[in-house]
Amino acid sequence: MANYMLMSKLYAPTLKETPNDADIESHKLLTRGAFLRKTSSGIYTFLPLGQMVLHRIEKIIREVMNASGAQEILMPALQPAEVWKESGRWDDYGPELMRLVDRHDHMYCLGPTHEEIVTALIKNELNSYKQLPCNLYQIQTKFRDEIRPRFGLLRGREFIMKDAYSFHSSQESLQETYDEMSKAYAIFCNRCGLNWRAVEADSGQIGGKVTTEFMALANSGEAELVHCDCGYAANVEAADCICEAKSYDVDHMEKVYTPGVHTIAELAEFLHIEENQTCKALSGKSENGDVFVLFVPGDHEVNEIKAARVVPGFEILTDEEMEELGLPKGSMGPVNLPEGVKVIADNSLKSIDRWVVGANEDNYHFVGAKQGVDFEVYDWADLCVTKPGDKCPNCGKTLIGDRGIEVSQVFQLGTKYSEAMKAFYLDEDGKQQPFIMGCYGIGVTRTLAAIVEQHYDENGIKWPISVAPAHICVLAIGKEDYVLEAASKIAEDCAWAGFDVVLDDRAERPGVKFADADLIGWPLQIIVGKKGLEKGEIEFKVRANNRRGTIPAGSISEKLADANIALRNIKNGADDIFSSF
């Protein structure tokens, strides 16, 4: 007898009501559909249905990683503080690092990532260039003490991640693996049925200079993206900004009384000009305490990541620090700044001869402040957060905006960790060299949520076939014994044909069964009822497009055979393998 699941035995307590704290569709539907339950803020228990989907995603990961030549290991979640201090990240990582002390007063952390552990692992075991390259990966639970966990699985304190780390003797070797991992991630996203885009990104706390994010496009995504028809795509924080600042035609500087004006929008309205004819200011300090005021066109925001590239250790001044220095919030400008305060301006302002800026005095602004005469610019840089409407840095066309959910990211780390932790190998000349490293991550639980954000309707989830908890649900509609017997026979035939099958044998009303089938999102529903059996027919519903119909009961084997061929030849998670129905 072929195996199939029984809904009467499956722990799947679906909910009619949406949880009060669920604010995006994946959180709502995964909770209502009995895939997960909230344990605490940002912490979830996965129920059997949720585990089934996670196992599908992890299976795809293992297939693409193993095909690339990577090897699976498992490292500890509990990590000693010593290795983090050795890399310098114990203090740099910040409050998101979950720290704890054992009974012997030894300090540990719950790993948010594993660069330190894997570097410590190989430093005494990979000794020669002949052993390189080497790519190791794991699938494991990670921890980050998010200040405000939200959006269900998209920003949690505990999550499942696949992280891989590669070691090389040359930049060329690293580039080959980086490209190989990028291809593997593209295959992974396709097989999960995601609509995705690869974008330039910032490496953040991981380190390195070259990195790409793989974003699932979704309105619920926290990341803002820009892209162009030429193929350029980037996270707005990492994108080169080519924006337009406009001149305000005056021939001298004039101090203007601007009562109650503290924002760019208020200033532009007061002067009857466009926002990009003004300059926006942000004050900050460097790691050694030097103070800077950064200026960008009024219709843009200062990108703090870019600011940190120009001002090492850049940190925004507090209101108290600004008041102490004599920098009035809402009225800062480059003219008559306090002694020692330097001006850094966005490249787009270079061509603007006279600026509309704050006068460093409450309720006053300067119109027509001339650079090089009324004030000096200490340095020029790309300081803006890129936004839709800016020019593409590749071809000059207008950038388009999107939102996305980061499901994976690849990094070129260089020698950041190997040098800090003294992880060396012997090259061809017998000389010690630091490993050149790469890092490659996939958010497993984030991927699960991202799939739902792209595949649902008002009735529930529409799982791609590749990650669905089961391929087919057979619904027995009616109290008669022969109906359940017929449904059981069809469920067994489906299982023999190579599908994962669940039989809804519960003593529930038809409406409840239909609602649960749509909510849970079984890709194919086969409905077996008294009236249909009397006609020699069975009903079906393909959840991906809600296509319905009937087929002769005797043709089920033929239909399943065609679908099985499609299942074995499936190229990505969105393929309609049930087109034969």
Foldseek 3Di string as FASTA:
>chain_A
DFDAAAPVPFPFQADPDFDPQADADLNRLCRRLRQWDDPDQQDIDGGLQVVLLLVLLVVLVCVLCVVLVAAEDDDDQKAFCVLCVLLPCSVVVPPFWAWDADPVRTIITRAQDCPSPVLVVCLVPFAAQVVDWHKYKYKDKGATPDPHRGNHNQRGGIFIKIKMKIWHDDPVRVVVVLVSLVVSVVLSCQFQVFDWAKAWEDPPPVAADGKIFIWGFFPPFPWKKKDDPVRHIHTLLGAQFFAAADADDDDDKDKDQAPPQQALVSVCVVVVHDQSLAKDWFWWAAPVGQIEIEIEGRVWDFRVVQVCVVGPRTDTDDPVRCVVLLQDHRQHDQAPGRPRYAYEYEPNCPPHQFHWGGPSDPRMIMGGQGEPPRGDHPYYYRTTRHDFQTAHPVPGDTIDMTHTRGFKMKHFRAQSSQVSNVRWHQYPVRDTDGIGMMMIMGGSSSSSSSQQSVAADPLAGAGQCSSRSWQEEEEQADDDPVSVVLSVVLQSLLSVLPTHYYYHPDPDHPVVVVSSCRSSRRQKYKYGYDVQVVVQKIKMAGNRVRDIDIDRVVCSNVQSNQLSVCVVVPSHRNDDSNPSD
